[in-house]
Amino acid sequence: MARAARRALEVRAEAPPSERGLTPVGIARAAQLGARRAVSVATMRRMLGYLSRHLVDKQGATWGEQGRGWVAWHAWGGDAGARWALSELARYDRDWFREWASAPRNRALMRHLRRG
């Protein structure tokens, strides 16, 4: 997860300004994860929310070229970050996790993580 976030910032920095992508929140998240700083339960929830909404980015035209979708996915921790956040939330916040896991989009993320 930390490696993915650091790599996302590296790739972003190497891209031309018009192709960099990431919001200030995404940049901050990548910096936090890359530096292995503590992550709150609320942030874990936001990570899963972002990653479940953006799973489709992995099918984007520039994914293989480490385009904006690739950078954003990895800035938010990527597959490793999703697995970690799922594990932590399933353990510490079971009620929230059960409700979250019942949504179709979130089930798609969990299926993706089991396959990969």
Protein backbone atom coordinates (compact mmCIF):
# COMPACT_ATOMS: atom_id res chain seq x y z
CA MET A 1 0.00 0.00 0.00
CA ALA A 2 2.77 2.44 0.94
CA ARG A 3 4.79 1.45 -2.10
CA ALA A 4 1.78 1.94 -4.38
CA ALA A 5 1.12 5.41 -2.98
CA ARG A 6 4.76 6.47 -3.31
CA ARG A 7 4.90 5.16 -6.88
CA ALA A 8 1.71 7.06 -7.75
CA LEU A 9 3.32 10.31 -6.61
CA GLU A 10 6.48 9.52 -8.61
CA VAL A 11 4.53 8.77 -11.80
CA ARG A 12 2.42 11.90 -11.29
CA ALA A 13 5.54 14.06 -10.86
CA GLU A 14 7.03 12.68 -14.10
CA ALA A 15 3.87 13.34 -16.16
CA PRO A 16 3.29 16.56 -18.08
CA PRO A 17 1.19 18.98 -16.00
CA SER A 18 -1.89 18.44 -18.18
CA GLU A 19 -1.81 14.68 -17.50
CA ARG A 20 -1.02 14.63 -13.78
CA GLY A 21 -4.43 14.24 -12.25
CA LEU A 22 -5.17 13.83 -8.52
CA THR A 23 -7.05 16.24 -6.36
CA PRO A 24 -5.40 17.82 -3.33
CA VAL A 25 -7.15 15.15 -1.24
CA GLY A 26 -5.67 12.39 -3.41
CA ILE A 27 -2.20 13.90 -3.12
CA ALA A 28 -2.57 14.14 0.65
CA ARG A 29 -3.80 10.54 0.86
CA ALA A 30 -0.85 9.29 -1.19
CA ALA A 31 1.57 11.24 1.00
CA GLN A 32 -0.06 9.84 4.15
CA LEU A 33 -0.03 6.24 2.93
CA GLY A 34 3.42 6.53 1.38
CA ALA A 35 4.88 7.80 4.64
CA ARG A 36 3.07 5.04 6.58
CA ARG A 37 1.33 7.57 8.81
CA ALA A 38 -1.59 6.41 10.94
CA VAL A 39 -4.93 6.05 9.17
CA SER A 40 -8.18 6.64 11.03
CA VAL A 41 -11.29 4.51 10.69
CA ALA A 42 -12.96 7.39 8.86
CA THR A 43 -10.08 7.50 6.37
CA MET A 44 -10.26 3.73 5.85
CA ARG A 45 -13.93 4.19 5.00
CA ARG A 46 -13.07 6.97 2.55
CA MET A 47 -10.39 4.76 0.96
CA LEU A 48 -12.90 1.98 0.37
CA GLY A 49 -15.49 4.45 -0.88
CA TYR A 50 -13.04 5.89 -3.40
CA LEU A 51 -11.72 2.52 -4.52
CA SER A 52 -15.16 0.96 -4.92
CA ARG A 53 -16.35 3.93 -7.02
CA HIS A 54 -13.23 3.89 -9.15
CA LEU A 55 -12.80 0.18 -9.77
CA VAL A 56 -13.86 0.89 -13.35
CA ASP A 57 -10.71 3.01 -13.78
CA LYS A 58 -8.75 -0.24 -14.03
CA GLN A 59 -10.46 -0.75 -17.40
CA GLY A 60 -9.55 2.74 -18.66
CA ALA A 61 -7.68 3.35 -21.89
CA THR A 62 -4.58 4.75 -20.15
CA TRP A 63 -4.33 2.20 -17.33
CA GLY A 64 -1.45 0.34 -19.00
CA GLU A 65 0.36 3.62 -19.56
CA GLN A 66 0.08 4.58 -15.88
CA GLY A 67 -2.37 7.35 -16.75
CA ARG A 68 -4.47 9.42 -14.38
CA GLY A 69 -6.75 6.54 -13.37
CA TRP A 70 -3.77 4.36 -12.54
CA VAL A 71 -2.16 7.15 -10.53
CA ALA A 72 -5.35 7.86 -8.59
CA TRP A 73 -6.03 4.17 -7.85
CA HIS A 74 -2.54 3.69 -6.46
CA ALA A 75 -2.54 7.02 -4.62
CA TRP A 76 -5.49 5.72 -2.59
CA GLY A 77 -3.58 2.53 -1.74
CA GLY A 78 -4.57 0.36 -4.71
CA ASP A 79 -5.51 -3.27 -4.24
CA ALA A 80 -3.25 -3.60 -1.19
CA GLY A 81 -4.86 -0.59 0.46
CA ALA A 82 -8.35 -1.92 -0.21
CA ARG A 83 -7.46 -5.33 1.25
CA TRP A 84 -5.93 -3.70 4.31
CA ALA A 85 -8.85 -1.34 4.92
CA LEU A 86 -11.36 -4.18 4.44
CA SER A 87 -9.52 -6.34 6.93
CA GLU A 88 -9.27 -3.57 9.51
CA LEU A 89 -12.88 -2.46 9.19
CA ALA A 90 -14.22 -6.01 9.23
CA ARG A 91 -12.40 -6.48 12.52
CA TYR A 92 -13.03 -3.14 14.24
CA ASP A 93 -16.31 -1.89 12.82
CA ARG A 94 -18.34 -4.98 11.93
CA ASP A 95 -21.72 -3.27 11.77
CA TRP A 96 -20.47 -0.67 9.31
CA PHE A 97 -18.65 -3.34 7.31
CA ARG A 98 -21.75 -5.53 6.97
CA GLU A 99 -23.79 -2.60 5.69
CA TRP A 100 -21.00 -1.47 3.34
CA ALA A 101 -20.49 -4.99 1.97
CA SER A 102 -24.17 -5.31 1.04
CA ALA A 103 -23.97 -2.66 -1.72
CA PRO A 104 -23.44 -4.07 -5.25
CA ARG A 105 -20.56 -1.71 -6.08
CA ASN A 106 -18.77 -2.71 -2.90
CA ARG A 107 -19.32 -6.41 -3.56
CA ALA A 108 -17.69 -5.86 -6.96
CA LEU A 109 -14.58 -4.50 -5.24
CA MET A 110 -14.46 -7.48 -2.89
CA ARG A 111 -14.80 -9.91 -5.84
CA HIS A 112 -11.99 -8.08 -7.65
CA LEU A 113 -9.71 -8.38 -4.62
CA ARG A 114 -10.43 -12.10 -4.24
CA ARG A 115 -9.52 -12.71 -7.89
CA GLY A 116 -6.33 -10.70 -7.83
